[in-house]
Amino acid sequence: MSSFVERLKSSAALRVLAVYLGASWVVLQVVDVVKQNMGLPDWVFPFALVLLVIGLPVMLTTAVLQGRPARPEDEVPESSPATSKGDLSPHGLFTWRNALLGGAAALVLLAAVTTGFMFMRNRGIGPVGSLVAKGLLEERSRIVLAEFDAEDPVLARTVTESFRADLTQSTIVHLVEPDTIADALSRMGLEPDTELTEDTARQLAMRDGFPAVVGGEVAPLGDGYVLTARLVLSTDGGVLASARASARDQNALLEAIDEASSQLREQIGESYTSLRETPPLAHVTTGSLAALKKYTQAEDARHKQGNLDAAIGLLEEAVTLDSTFALAYRDLATILGNQRRNWDRQIQALESAHRHRDRLTERERYLVEASYSQDVLDDRARTIQAYEAMLRLDSADAQALNNIGFNYWLQGDFERAGEYYRSARKADPSPDIYAANVAAAWANVGEIEKADSAYTVVEEMSDSPQFLPWRALFEYQRGDEAETRAQVTALAEEFSTQTGLVAFAKRTLGRLELLHGRLEAAEVLL
């Protein structure tokens, strides 16, 4: 043994080791390039690495044994039955010819296993065959995302929305849009904001012809969590694909979501190239689950409760937890701008969002650039260009359409603004704000009856107090100043704790006083 170690330290063995390591590095680089360019699975690289590691002791043993003459004890006696098949002594087995043949065989094995796997996956053969290749799911199928189940309702919603963000980037399936789900729930006799459990999602999918539903659970495990996700048939609930990922704590849960969604997309049949090009969820929004929960709560406060003060506070907490949370900064600036509050904080938030925009998806990046151009640079043309870039990604992007309309509104072009507002409303009928913008646009071009009908639609859609000021101002446009004063005064009294609404009421009453020349009263209010 000591003799073997001494020979291993010899210059010849060291030269063989250096050559082998260099050749292995070249082989791994070639494997990595081929894997990337041909869309091969990630396990190809570690498989190649394992084969090279196995080959290392073979090469070193060959170098040692071939570096000395054969000894009598290494030779096989002529009378041995094995001599008819060749020299099976160590010195005879570990030859350079055999070592090179073994290396070639390892490369052939790697190619054969990889080729066989990809053939079976793409043809739908065996357990590795994709759902699309097996014909169990059509490419570009529209699937429904159900609410994930968890003990904490906020955590459940946060995980669901995070999963939505990840699956939205899929090239193999498309998630059914929220407005389509809301419409289907209404036709089922349910409220549009009904919790979409897996059973409810399956019923909805069956009614509207969607083939499958994604659902799952988040269960605590010690200080961490176990995330389970599955794709089930809408008809009978049969499991088509399943994924499981664990997280050591809340902050690692985002990585688990990304891992689980990637597993599902791989089983469905998405190419490995597409999966690698998809940025991880933690890079798209935030790496902090606590910050994402605050962001989700802010969205609820803003859109469902109409409490913008609460939304501002929650977004401030979100960016405190993650100082690189670009979208939270952008939304914070948007709400402050809509309330005409704290201009300096708006600018700071937009500058922070713009600074960290490289963490976003392409669409989100354009969204931040548009807000920055609009409110920091005051460049309308550049703002509209950013929103038009969003439309090149998706011509039915309602948010881009609505915000282009708003920029024409700021320029006083109410006709053109109305066209974009109506296009946004047609693309996505669910957000209250789009319907309210349509109403305001009709009112500003003198189409009072159309505006009145549009405001009625808003009243039927939303209980949010944020749209009450719009209706109050519309009464003035109809020529009823007294009604406007009454509604605005009642608004300030009923929602006295909401800073933005009180400020709006005082600002509106102050302007009305100015119109009548009552300067002292206007000054107090303004």
Protein backbone atom coordinates (compact mmCIF):
# COMPACT_ATOMS: atom_id res chain seq x y z
CA MET A 1 0.00 0.00 0.00
CA SER A 2 2.80 2.41 0.93
CA SER A 3 4.50 1.59 -2.35
CA PHE A 4 1.30 2.46 -4.24
CA VAL A 5 1.03 5.80 -2.43
CA GLU A 6 4.67 6.58 -3.20
CA ARG A 7 4.13 5.85 -6.87
CA LEU A 8 0.96 7.98 -6.79
CA LYS A 9 3.15 10.87 -5.73
CA SER A 10 5.51 10.31 -8.62
CA SER A 11 5.85 12.98 -11.27
CA ALA A 12 4.28 10.72 -13.93
CA ALA A 13 1.13 10.17 -11.85
CA LEU A 14 0.88 13.85 -11.07
CA ARG A 15 1.14 14.66 -14.78
CA VAL A 16 -1.67 12.21 -15.51
CA LEU A 17 -3.77 13.82 -12.76
CA ALA A 18 -3.19 17.30 -14.19
CA VAL A 19 -4.05 16.17 -17.73
CA TYR A 20 -7.18 14.34 -16.54
CA LEU A 21 -8.45 17.31 -14.54
CA GLY A 22 -7.86 19.63 -17.49
CA ALA A 23 -9.62 17.27 -19.88
CA SER A 24 -12.49 16.86 -17.41
CA TRP A 25 -12.92 20.63 -17.23
CA VAL A 26 -13.13 20.81 -21.02
CA VAL A 27 -15.66 17.95 -21.11
CA LEU A 28 -17.85 19.64 -18.47
CA GLN A 29 -17.79 22.93 -20.38
CA VAL A 30 -18.88 21.16 -23.56
CA VAL A 31 -21.64 19.30 -21.67
CA ASP A 32 -22.87 22.57 -20.14
CA VAL A 33 -22.97 24.34 -23.53
CA VAL A 34 -24.77 21.42 -25.17
CA LYS A 35 -27.23 21.25 -22.24
CA GLN A 36 -28.06 24.94 -22.58
CA ASN A 37 -28.30 25.04 -26.38
CA MET A 38 -30.24 21.80 -26.80
CA GLY A 39 -32.58 22.29 -23.84
CA LEU A 40 -31.43 19.22 -21.91
CA PRO A 41 -32.40 18.56 -18.27
CA ASP A 42 -30.28 19.89 -15.42
CA TRP A 43 -29.23 16.41 -14.25
CA VAL A 44 -27.08 15.93 -17.37
CA PHE A 45 -24.27 18.04 -15.91
CA PRO A 46 -24.02 16.27 -12.49
CA PHE A 47 -24.33 12.90 -14.28
CA ALA A 48 -21.30 13.79 -16.41
CA LEU A 49 -19.49 14.94 -13.29
CA VAL A 50 -20.15 11.62 -11.50
CA LEU A 51 -18.82 9.65 -14.50
CA LEU A 52 -15.65 11.74 -14.51
CA VAL A 53 -15.19 11.26 -10.76
CA ILE A 54 -15.53 7.49 -11.23
CA GLY A 55 -12.92 7.64 -13.98
CA LEU A 56 -10.37 9.48 -11.84
CA PRO A 57 -9.19 6.52 -9.69
CA VAL A 58 -9.11 4.33 -12.81
CA MET A 59 -6.74 6.76 -14.53
CA LEU A 60 -4.54 7.13 -11.45
CA THR A 61 -4.36 3.36 -10.90
CA THR A 62 -3.44 2.89 -14.55
CA ALA A 63 -0.71 5.52 -14.27
CA VAL A 64 0.77 3.81 -11.19
CA LEU A 65 0.64 0.23 -12.55
CA GLN A 66 1.89 1.14 -16.00
CA GLY A 67 4.71 3.13 -14.42
CA ARG A 68 6.45 -0.05 -13.18
CA PRO A 69 7.10 -3.48 -14.73
CA ALA A 70 4.73 -6.31 -13.98
CA ARG A 71 5.66 -8.41 -10.93
CA PRO A 72 5.34 -12.23 -10.77
CA GLU A 73 2.42 -12.01 -8.33
CA ASP A 74 0.50 -9.84 -10.86
CA GLU A 75 0.77 -12.44 -13.62
CA VAL A 76 -1.93 -15.02 -14.26
CA PRO A 77 -0.62 -18.62 -14.44
CA GLU A 78 -0.76 -20.16 -17.90
CA SER A 79 -2.88 -22.99 -16.54
CA SER A 80 -5.56 -20.59 -15.42
CA PRO A 81 -8.79 -20.86 -17.41
CA ALA A 82 -8.81 -17.08 -17.68
CA THR A 83 -5.73 -16.99 -19.86
CA SER A 84 -7.81 -17.98 -22.85
CA LYS A 85 -9.74 -14.75 -22.48
CA GLY A 86 -6.74 -12.48 -21.96
CA ASP A 87 -4.63 -11.15 -19.12
CA LEU A 88 -6.87 -10.43 -16.12
CA SER A 89 -4.08 -9.41 -13.79
CA PRO A 90 -4.14 -5.83 -12.42
CA HIS A 91 -1.25 -4.94 -14.70
CA GLY A 92 -3.13 -6.40 -17.66
CA LEU A 93 -6.51 -4.82 -16.84
CA PHE A 94 -5.37 -1.31 -16.04
CA THR A 95 -3.87 -0.43 -19.41
CA TRP A 96 -4.06 2.88 -21.23
CA ARG A 97 -6.06 1.22 -23.99
CA ASN A 98 -8.65 -0.05 -21.52
CA ALA A 99 -8.74 3.29 -19.70
CA LEU A 100 -9.41 5.20 -22.92
CA LEU A 101 -12.03 2.68 -24.01
CA GLY A 102 -13.71 3.05 -20.60
CA GLY A 103 -13.77 6.83 -20.97
CA ALA A 104 -15.32 6.55 -24.41
CA ALA A 105 -17.91 4.10 -23.04
CA ALA A 106 -18.79 6.57 -20.28
CA LEU A 107 -19.43 9.33 -22.83
CA VAL A 108 -21.54 6.94 -24.92
CA LEU A 109 -23.51 6.04 -21.78
CA LEU A 110 -24.11 9.73 -21.03
CA ALA A 111 -25.33 10.37 -24.57
CA ALA A 112 -27.49 7.25 -24.63
CA VAL A 113 -29.19 7.94 -21.29
CA THR A 114 -29.81 11.61 -22.19
CA THR A 115 -31.11 10.80 -25.68
CA GLY A 116 -33.35 8.05 -24.33
CA PHE A 117 -34.76 10.33 -21.64
CA MET A 118 -35.53 13.16 -24.09
CA PHE A 119 -37.07 10.71 -26.59
CA MET A 120 -39.36 9.24 -23.93
CA ARG A 121 -40.27 12.69 -22.57
CA ASN A 122 -41.11 14.14 -25.98
CA ARG A 123 -43.01 11.03 -27.10
CA GLY A 124 -44.95 10.64 -23.85
CA ILE A 125 -43.45 7.26 -23.01
CA GLY A 126 -43.32 5.97 -19.45
CA PRO A 127 -43.16 8.00 -16.25
CA VAL A 128 -40.86 10.65 -17.77
CA GLY A 129 -43.25 11.40 -20.65
CA SER A 130 -44.78 14.89 -20.47
CA LEU A 131 -48.53 15.41 -20.16
CA VAL A 132 -48.64 17.28 -23.48
CA ALA A 133 -46.76 14.48 -25.27
CA LYS A 134 -49.11 11.89 -23.75
CA GLY A 135 -52.12 13.83 -25.01
CA LEU A 136 -53.50 14.34 -21.50
CA LEU A 137 -53.25 18.11 -21.86
CA GLU A 138 -53.09 20.27 -24.95
CA GLU A 139 -50.37 22.83 -25.38
CA ARG A 140 -51.58 26.36 -24.56
CA SER A 141 -54.43 24.94 -22.48
CA ARG A 142 -56.12 27.41 -20.14
CA ILE A 143 -56.05 26.19 -16.55
CA VAL A 144 -57.60 27.56 -13.36
CA LEU A 145 -55.51 28.41 -10.30
CA ALA A 146 -57.34 27.63 -7.05
CA GLU A 147 -56.57 29.24 -3.70
CA PHE A 148 -53.89 27.34 -1.80
CA ASP A 149 -54.95 25.99 1.59
CA ALA A 150 -53.12 27.17 4.74
CA GLU A 151 -53.92 27.83 8.39
CA ASP A 152 -53.10 31.53 7.90
CA PRO A 153 -55.48 33.05 5.28
CA VAL A 154 -53.01 35.83 4.45
CA LEU A 155 -50.24 33.28 3.90
CA ALA A 156 -52.59 31.22 1.72
CA ARG A 157 -53.40 34.22 -0.48
CA THR A 158 -49.77 35.29 -0.62
CA VAL A 159 -48.64 31.85 -1.75
CA THR A 160 -51.47 31.69 -4.32
CA GLU A 161 -50.55 35.06 -5.82
CA SER A 162 -46.86 34.13 -5.82
CA PHE A 163 -47.69 30.89 -7.64
CA ARG A 164 -49.79 32.92 -10.10
CA ALA A 165 -46.84 35.22 -10.81
CA ASP A 166 -44.63 32.23 -11.53
CA LEU A 167 -47.13 30.29 -13.67
CA THR A 168 -48.00 33.40 -15.66
CA GLN A 169 -44.53 33.16 -17.19
CA SER A 170 -45.20 29.66 -18.54
CA THR A 171 -45.07 29.12 -22.30
CA ILE A 172 -46.88 25.76 -22.18
CA VAL A 173 -50.14 26.67 -20.37
CA HIS A 174 -52.11 29.85 -19.65
CA LEU A 175 -53.85 30.74 -16.41
CA VAL A 176 -57.48 31.80 -16.70
CA GLU A 177 -57.71 35.55 -16.05
CA PRO A 178 -59.26 36.83 -12.79
CA ASP A 179 -62.03 38.71 -14.61
CA THR A 180 -63.04 35.51 -16.44
CA ILE A 181 -63.18 33.69 -13.11
CA ALA A 182 -65.25 36.47 -11.54
CA ASP A 183 -67.70 36.31 -14.44
CA ALA A 184 -67.94 32.51 -14.18
CA LEU A 185 -68.56 32.72 -10.43
CA SER A 186 -71.40 35.17 -11.05
CA ARG A 187 -72.97 32.75 -13.51
CA MET A 188 -72.68 30.04 -10.86
CA GLY A 189 -74.74 32.23 -8.50
CA LEU A 190 -71.72 33.07 -6.33
CA GLU A 191 -70.19 36.39 -5.39
CA PRO A 192 -67.21 37.41 -7.59
CA ASP A 193 -64.93 37.47 -4.54
CA THR A 194 -65.92 33.95 -3.38
CA GLU A 195 -62.91 31.95 -2.20
CA LEU A 196 -61.84 29.74 -5.07
CA THR A 197 -61.26 26.41 -3.33
CA GLU A 198 -60.08 23.47 -5.39
CA ASP A 199 -63.61 22.00 -5.53
CA THR A 200 -65.13 25.33 -6.58
CA ALA A 201 -62.37 25.79 -9.15
CA ARG A 202 -63.08 22.34 -10.60
CA GLN A 203 -66.81 23.10 -10.91
CA LEU A 204 -66.02 26.39 -12.59
CA ALA A 205 -63.53 24.72 -14.94
CA MET A 206 -66.02 22.03 -15.93
CA ARG A 207 -68.74 24.60 -16.66
CA ASP A 208 -66.47 26.70 -18.88
CA GLY A 209 -64.50 23.90 -20.53
CA PHE A 210 -61.13 24.42 -18.87
CA PRO A 211 -59.34 21.05 -18.68
CA ALA A 212 -57.40 21.31 -15.43
CA VAL A 213 -56.98 23.06 -12.09
CA VAL A 214 -53.87 23.83 -10.05
CA GLY A 215 -54.27 23.64 -6.28
CA GLY A 216 -52.27 22.82 -3.20
CA GLU A 217 -51.52 23.27 0.48
CA VAL A 218 -48.96 24.97 2.69
CA ALA A 219 -48.42 23.00 5.90
CA PRO A 220 -46.17 23.98 8.83
CA LEU A 221 -43.26 21.65 9.59
CA GLY A 222 -41.27 22.72 12.64
CA ASP A 223 -40.04 26.24 11.96
CA GLY A 224 -40.55 25.76 8.23
CA TYR A 225 -43.18 24.72 5.73
CA VAL A 226 -44.00 21.99 3.25
CA LEU A 227 -45.58 23.17 0.00
CA THR A 228 -47.60 20.71 -2.06
CA ALA A 229 -48.96 21.61 -5.49
CA ARG A 230 -50.87 19.49 -7.99
CA LEU A 231 -52.50 19.69 -11.38
CA VAL A 232 -55.84 17.84 -11.43
CA LEU A 233 -58.40 17.11 -14.11
CA SER A 234 -61.47 19.29 -13.83
CA THR A 235 -63.76 16.38 -14.72
CA ASP A 236 -62.94 13.83 -12.03
CA GLY A 237 -60.17 15.37 -9.92
CA GLY A 238 -57.59 12.85 -11.12
CA VAL A 239 -54.05 14.01 -10.40
CA LEU A 240 -52.12 14.68 -13.59
CA ALA A 241 -48.95 16.02 -11.97
CA SER A 242 -47.76 16.81 -8.48
CA ALA A 243 -44.88 18.68 -6.88
CA ARG A 244 -43.55 19.02 -3.37
CA ALA A 245 -40.99 21.42 -1.92
CA SER A 246 -39.93 22.31 1.59
CA ALA A 247 -38.80 25.59 3.14
CA ARG A 248 -36.73 25.93 6.29
CA ASP A 249 -38.54 29.18 7.22
CA GLN A 250 -40.89 31.81 5.79
CA ASN A 251 -38.17 33.59 3.85
CA ALA A 252 -37.28 30.35 2.05
CA LEU A 253 -40.90 29.74 1.05
CA LEU A 254 -40.55 31.80 -2.13
CA GLU A 255 -37.79 29.50 -3.34
CA ALA A 256 -40.02 26.52 -2.56
CA ILE A 257 -42.83 28.05 -4.63
CA ASP A 258 -40.46 28.55 -7.55
CA GLU A 259 -39.22 24.96 -7.22
CA ALA A 260 -42.74 23.51 -7.09
CA SER A 261 -44.03 25.53 -10.03
CA SER A 262 -40.97 24.55 -12.08
CA GLN A 263 -41.64 20.88 -11.30
CA LEU A 264 -45.24 21.19 -12.49
CA ARG A 265 -44.24 23.03 -15.67
CA GLU A 266 -41.60 20.39 -16.39
CA GLN A 267 -44.11 17.55 -15.98
CA ILE A 268 -46.63 19.34 -18.20
CA GLY A 269 -44.03 19.53 -20.95
CA GLU A 270 -42.41 22.96 -20.89
CA SER A 271 -38.96 23.02 -22.45
CA TYR A 272 -35.95 23.13 -20.17
CA THR A 273 -34.71 26.15 -22.08
CA SER A 274 -37.90 28.06 -21.23
CA LEU A 275 -37.69 27.01 -17.58
CA ARG A 276 -34.12 28.31 -17.34
CA GLU A 277 -35.04 31.60 -19.00
CA THR A 278 -37.80 32.21 -16.45
CA PRO A 279 -36.40 34.34 -13.62
CA PRO A 280 -37.00 32.86 -10.16
CA LEU A 281 -39.94 34.35 -8.31
CA ALA A 282 -37.66 35.72 -5.59
CA HIS A 283 -35.92 37.84 -8.25
CA VAL A 284 -39.15 39.02 -9.81
CA THR A 285 -40.71 40.69 -6.78
CA THR A 286 -39.06 40.22 -3.41
CA GLY A 287 -36.96 37.70 -1.58
CA SER A 288 -38.87 38.36 1.66
CA LEU A 289 -42.11 36.51 2.26
CA ALA A 290 -42.92 38.91 5.10
CA ALA A 291 -42.64 41.83 2.66
CA LEU A 292 -44.77 40.00 0.10
CA LYS A 293 -47.46 39.40 2.74
CA LYS A 294 -47.55 43.13 3.52
CA TYR A 295 -47.81 43.84 -0.21
CA THR A 296 -50.71 41.39 -0.55
CA GLN A 297 -52.51 42.98 2.40
CA ALA A 298 -51.95 46.41 0.85
CA GLU A 299 -53.55 45.21 -2.38
CA ASP A 300 -56.61 44.05 -0.41
CA ALA A 301 -56.80 47.33 1.51
CA ARG A 302 -56.51 49.30 -1.70
CA HIS A 303 -58.79 47.42 -4.06
CA LYS A 304 -61.26 45.58 -1.82
CA GLN A 305 -61.61 47.83 1.21
CA GLY A 306 -60.86 51.18 -0.46
CA ASN A 307 -58.70 52.13 2.54
CA LEU A 308 -55.77 53.91 0.92
CA ASP A 309 -54.30 55.06 4.24
CA ALA A 310 -54.00 51.43 5.33
CA ALA A 311 -52.52 50.49 1.95
CA ILE A 312 -49.87 53.22 2.27
CA GLY A 313 -48.91 52.02 5.75
CA LEU A 314 -48.63 48.40 4.62
CA LEU A 315 -46.52 49.31 1.60
CA GLU A 316 -44.20 51.36 3.82
CA GLU A 317 -43.81 48.26 5.99
CA ALA A 318 -43.13 46.14 2.89
CA VAL A 319 -40.27 48.34 1.67
CA THR A 320 -38.87 48.48 5.21
CA LEU A 321 -38.71 44.69 5.23
CA ASP A 322 -37.19 44.62 1.72
CA SER A 323 -35.52 47.86 0.63
CA THR A 324 -35.22 46.51 -2.95
CA PHE A 325 -38.95 45.74 -3.43
CA ALA A 326 -39.41 47.72 -6.66
CA LEU A 327 -43.13 47.08 -7.21
CA ALA A 328 -44.01 48.03 -3.63
CA TYR A 329 -42.22 51.35 -4.12
CA ARG A 330 -44.05 51.89 -7.39
CA ASP A 331 -47.48 51.18 -5.90
CA LEU A 332 -46.71 53.40 -2.91
CA ALA A 333 -45.90 56.30 -5.23
CA THR A 334 -49.05 55.64 -7.29
CA ILE A 335 -51.38 55.79 -4.27
CA LEU A 336 -49.70 58.91 -2.88
CA GLY A 337 -49.99 60.52 -6.30
CA ASN A 338 -53.66 59.65 -6.64
CA GLN A 339 -54.27 61.27 -3.25
CA ARG A 340 -52.06 64.27 -4.09
CA ARG A 341 -50.06 63.66 -0.92
CA ASN A 342 -46.39 63.93 0.07
CA TRP A 343 -44.79 64.73 -3.28
CA ASP A 344 -41.26 64.25 -1.90
CA ARG A 345 -42.09 60.72 -0.74
CA GLN A 346 -43.56 59.93 -4.17
CA ILE A 347 -40.33 60.94 -5.87
CA GLN A 348 -38.20 58.98 -3.38
CA ALA A 349 -40.35 55.87 -3.89
CA LEU A 350 -40.21 56.10 -7.69
CA GLU A 351 -36.46 56.64 -7.66
CA SER A 352 -36.08 53.54 -5.48
CA ALA A 353 -38.34 51.52 -7.79
CA HIS A 354 -36.37 52.68 -10.83
CA ARG A 355 -33.05 51.87 -9.14
CA HIS A 356 -34.11 48.27 -8.47
CA ARG A 357 -36.01 47.65 -11.71
CA ASP A 358 -33.48 45.01 -12.84
CA ARG A 359 -35.14 42.60 -10.35
CA LEU A 360 -38.39 42.70 -12.32
CA THR A 361 -39.89 40.88 -15.27
CA GLU A 362 -39.82 42.69 -18.60
CA ARG A 363 -43.42 43.85 -18.27
CA GLU A 364 -42.95 45.08 -14.70
CA ARG A 365 -39.77 46.89 -15.75
CA TYR A 366 -41.69 48.84 -18.39
CA LEU A 367 -44.35 49.63 -15.78
CA VAL A 368 -41.78 51.15 -13.41
CA GLU A 369 -40.07 53.04 -16.24
CA ALA A 370 -43.43 54.49 -17.27
CA SER A 371 -44.23 55.71 -13.74
CA TYR A 372 -40.74 57.17 -13.40
CA SER A 373 -41.01 59.00 -16.72
CA GLN A 374 -44.47 60.30 -15.85
CA ASP A 375 -43.94 61.62 -12.33
CA VAL A 376 -40.18 62.18 -11.99
CA LEU A 377 -39.14 63.22 -15.50
CA ASP A 378 -42.55 64.69 -16.46
CA ASP A 379 -42.01 63.27 -19.95
CA ARG A 380 -45.38 62.28 -21.42
CA ALA A 381 -43.95 60.93 -24.70
CA ARG A 382 -41.46 58.69 -22.91
CA THR A 383 -44.19 57.52 -20.54
CA ILE A 384 -46.50 56.51 -23.36
CA GLN A 385 -43.62 54.75 -25.15
CA ALA A 386 -43.03 52.58 -22.06
CA TYR A 387 -46.71 51.62 -21.90
CA GLU A 388 -46.72 50.91 -25.64
CA ALA A 389 -43.78 48.56 -25.03
CA MET A 390 -46.05 46.71 -22.59
CA LEU A 391 -48.68 46.47 -25.32
CA ARG A 392 -46.12 44.92 -27.66
CA LEU A 393 -45.76 42.14 -25.10
CA ASP A 394 -49.56 41.84 -24.77
CA SER A 395 -51.89 43.93 -26.93
CA ALA A 396 -54.70 43.38 -24.38
CA ASP A 397 -52.75 44.62 -21.35
CA ALA A 398 -55.53 46.57 -19.62
CA GLN A 399 -53.21 48.37 -17.22
CA ALA A 400 -51.09 49.73 -20.07
CA LEU A 401 -54.21 50.81 -22.00
CA ASN A 402 -55.68 52.53 -18.95
CA ASN A 403 -52.47 54.36 -18.12
CA ILE A 404 -51.95 55.58 -21.67
CA GLY A 405 -55.46 57.00 -21.41
CA PHE A 406 -54.50 58.73 -18.15
CA ASN A 407 -51.53 60.41 -19.82
CA TYR A 408 -53.74 61.75 -22.61
CA TRP A 409 -56.12 62.89 -19.86
CA LEU A 410 -53.30 64.88 -18.26
CA GLN A 411 -52.72 66.56 -21.61
CA GLY A 412 -56.41 67.54 -21.81
CA ASP A 413 -57.13 65.17 -24.71
CA PHE A 414 -60.28 63.68 -23.17
CA GLU A 415 -61.52 62.14 -26.42
CA ARG A 416 -58.40 60.06 -26.87
CA ALA A 417 -58.20 59.30 -23.16
CA GLY A 418 -61.73 57.91 -23.33
CA GLU A 419 -60.83 55.63 -26.23
CA TYR A 420 -58.02 54.04 -24.22
CA TYR A 421 -60.14 53.84 -21.06
CA ARG A 422 -62.84 51.97 -22.94
CA SER A 423 -60.24 49.63 -24.49
CA ALA A 424 -58.90 48.86 -20.99
CA ARG A 425 -62.41 48.21 -19.73
CA LYS A 426 -63.07 45.86 -22.66
CA ALA A 427 -59.77 44.01 -22.09
CA ASP A 428 -60.45 43.52 -18.38
CA PRO A 429 -63.96 44.35 -17.08
CA SER A 430 -63.20 43.42 -13.47
CA PRO A 431 -61.26 46.41 -11.97
CA ASP A 432 -63.54 49.17 -10.68
CA ILE A 433 -61.04 51.85 -11.65
CA TYR A 434 -61.39 51.14 -15.38
CA ALA A 435 -65.16 51.51 -15.23
CA ALA A 436 -64.83 54.74 -13.22
CA ASN A 437 -62.36 56.15 -15.75
CA VAL A 438 -64.80 55.41 -18.58
CA ALA A 439 -67.50 57.32 -16.69
CA ALA A 440 -65.23 60.31 -16.06
CA ALA A 441 -64.13 60.39 -19.69
CA TRP A 442 -67.74 60.50 -20.95
CA ALA A 443 -68.53 63.27 -18.48
CA ASN A 444 -65.57 65.39 -19.59
CA VAL A 445 -66.65 65.33 -23.24
CA GLY A 446 -70.21 66.26 -22.32
CA GLU A 447 -71.79 62.83 -22.81
CA ILE A 448 -73.78 63.09 -19.58
CA GLU A 449 -76.19 60.20 -20.19
CA LYS A 450 -73.38 57.81 -21.08
CA ALA A 451 -71.46 59.00 -18.04
CA ASP A 452 -74.47 58.46 -15.80
CA SER A 453 -74.86 54.89 -17.08
CA ALA A 454 -71.14 54.24 -16.59
CA TYR A 455 -71.24 55.54 -13.00
CA THR A 456 -74.20 53.25 -12.31
CA VAL A 457 -72.01 50.34 -13.42
CA VAL A 458 -69.32 51.42 -10.94
CA GLU A 459 -71.88 51.61 -8.11
CA GLU A 460 -73.05 48.09 -8.89
CA MET A 461 -69.48 46.80 -8.95
CA SER A 462 -67.90 48.36 -5.91
CA ASP A 463 -68.55 49.17 -2.26
CA SER A 464 -65.24 51.05 -2.07
CA PRO A 465 -65.56 54.61 -0.74
CA GLN A 466 -62.82 55.72 -3.13
CA PHE A 467 -65.33 56.09 -5.96
CA LEU A 468 -67.77 58.27 -4.02
CA PRO A 469 -65.80 61.46 -4.84
CA TRP A 470 -66.09 60.67 -8.54
CA ARG A 471 -69.86 60.47 -8.27
CA ALA A 472 -70.00 63.67 -6.24
CA LEU A 473 -68.04 65.60 -8.86
CA PHE A 474 -70.25 64.20 -11.58
CA GLU A 475 -73.26 65.84 -9.93
CA TYR A 476 -71.52 69.20 -10.42
CA GLN A 477 -70.95 68.37 -14.09
CA ARG A 478 -74.68 67.71 -14.33
CA GLY A 479 -75.27 71.20 -12.93
CA ASP A 480 -76.26 70.29 -9.38
CA GLU A 481 -73.72 72.06 -7.17
CA ALA A 482 -75.84 71.68 -4.05
CA GLU A 483 -75.85 67.90 -4.44
CA THR A 484 -72.07 67.91 -4.89
CA ARG A 485 -71.62 69.92 -1.68
CA ALA A 486 -73.96 67.60 0.22
CA GLN A 487 -72.25 64.42 -0.97
CA VAL A 488 -68.74 65.75 -0.34
CA THR A 489 -69.60 66.98 3.16
CA ALA A 490 -71.20 63.63 4.04
CA LEU A 491 -68.15 61.85 2.66
CA ALA A 492 -65.77 63.79 4.95
CA GLU A 493 -67.95 63.07 8.00
CA GLU A 494 -68.45 59.37 7.31
CA PHE A 495 -64.80 58.65 6.52
CA SER A 496 -63.19 61.14 8.88
CA THR A 497 -60.25 58.79 9.60
CA GLN A 498 -59.23 58.45 5.94
CA THR A 499 -56.83 61.27 5.21
CA GLY A 500 -57.14 61.14 1.44
CA LEU A 501 -60.95 61.36 1.40
CA VAL A 502 -61.02 64.22 3.92
CA ALA A 503 -58.41 66.10 1.91
CA PHE A 504 -60.44 65.59 -1.27
CA ALA A 505 -63.58 66.91 0.41
CA LYS A 506 -61.86 70.05 1.70
CA ARG A 507 -60.14 70.62 -1.63
CA THR A 508 -63.44 70.31 -3.53
CA LEU A 509 -65.35 72.60 -1.17
CA GLY A 510 -62.49 75.11 -1.30
CA ARG A 511 -62.61 75.24 -5.08
CA LEU A 512 -66.36 75.73 -5.02
CA GLU A 513 -65.88 78.68 -2.64
CA LEU A 514 -63.33 80.14 -5.04
CA LEU A 515 -65.82 79.94 -7.89
CA HIS A 516 -68.14 82.21 -5.87
CA GLY A 517 -65.38 84.60 -4.86
CA ARG A 518 -65.43 83.68 -1.16
CA LEU A 519 -61.66 83.84 -0.72
CA GLU A 520 -61.41 83.64 3.07
CA ALA A 521 -63.57 80.52 3.24
CA ALA A 522 -61.61 78.99 0.33
CA GLU A 523 -58.29 79.73 2.06
CA VAL A 524 -59.38 77.93 5.23
CA LEU A 525 -60.46 74.85 3.29
CA LEU A 526 -57.52 74.72 0.90
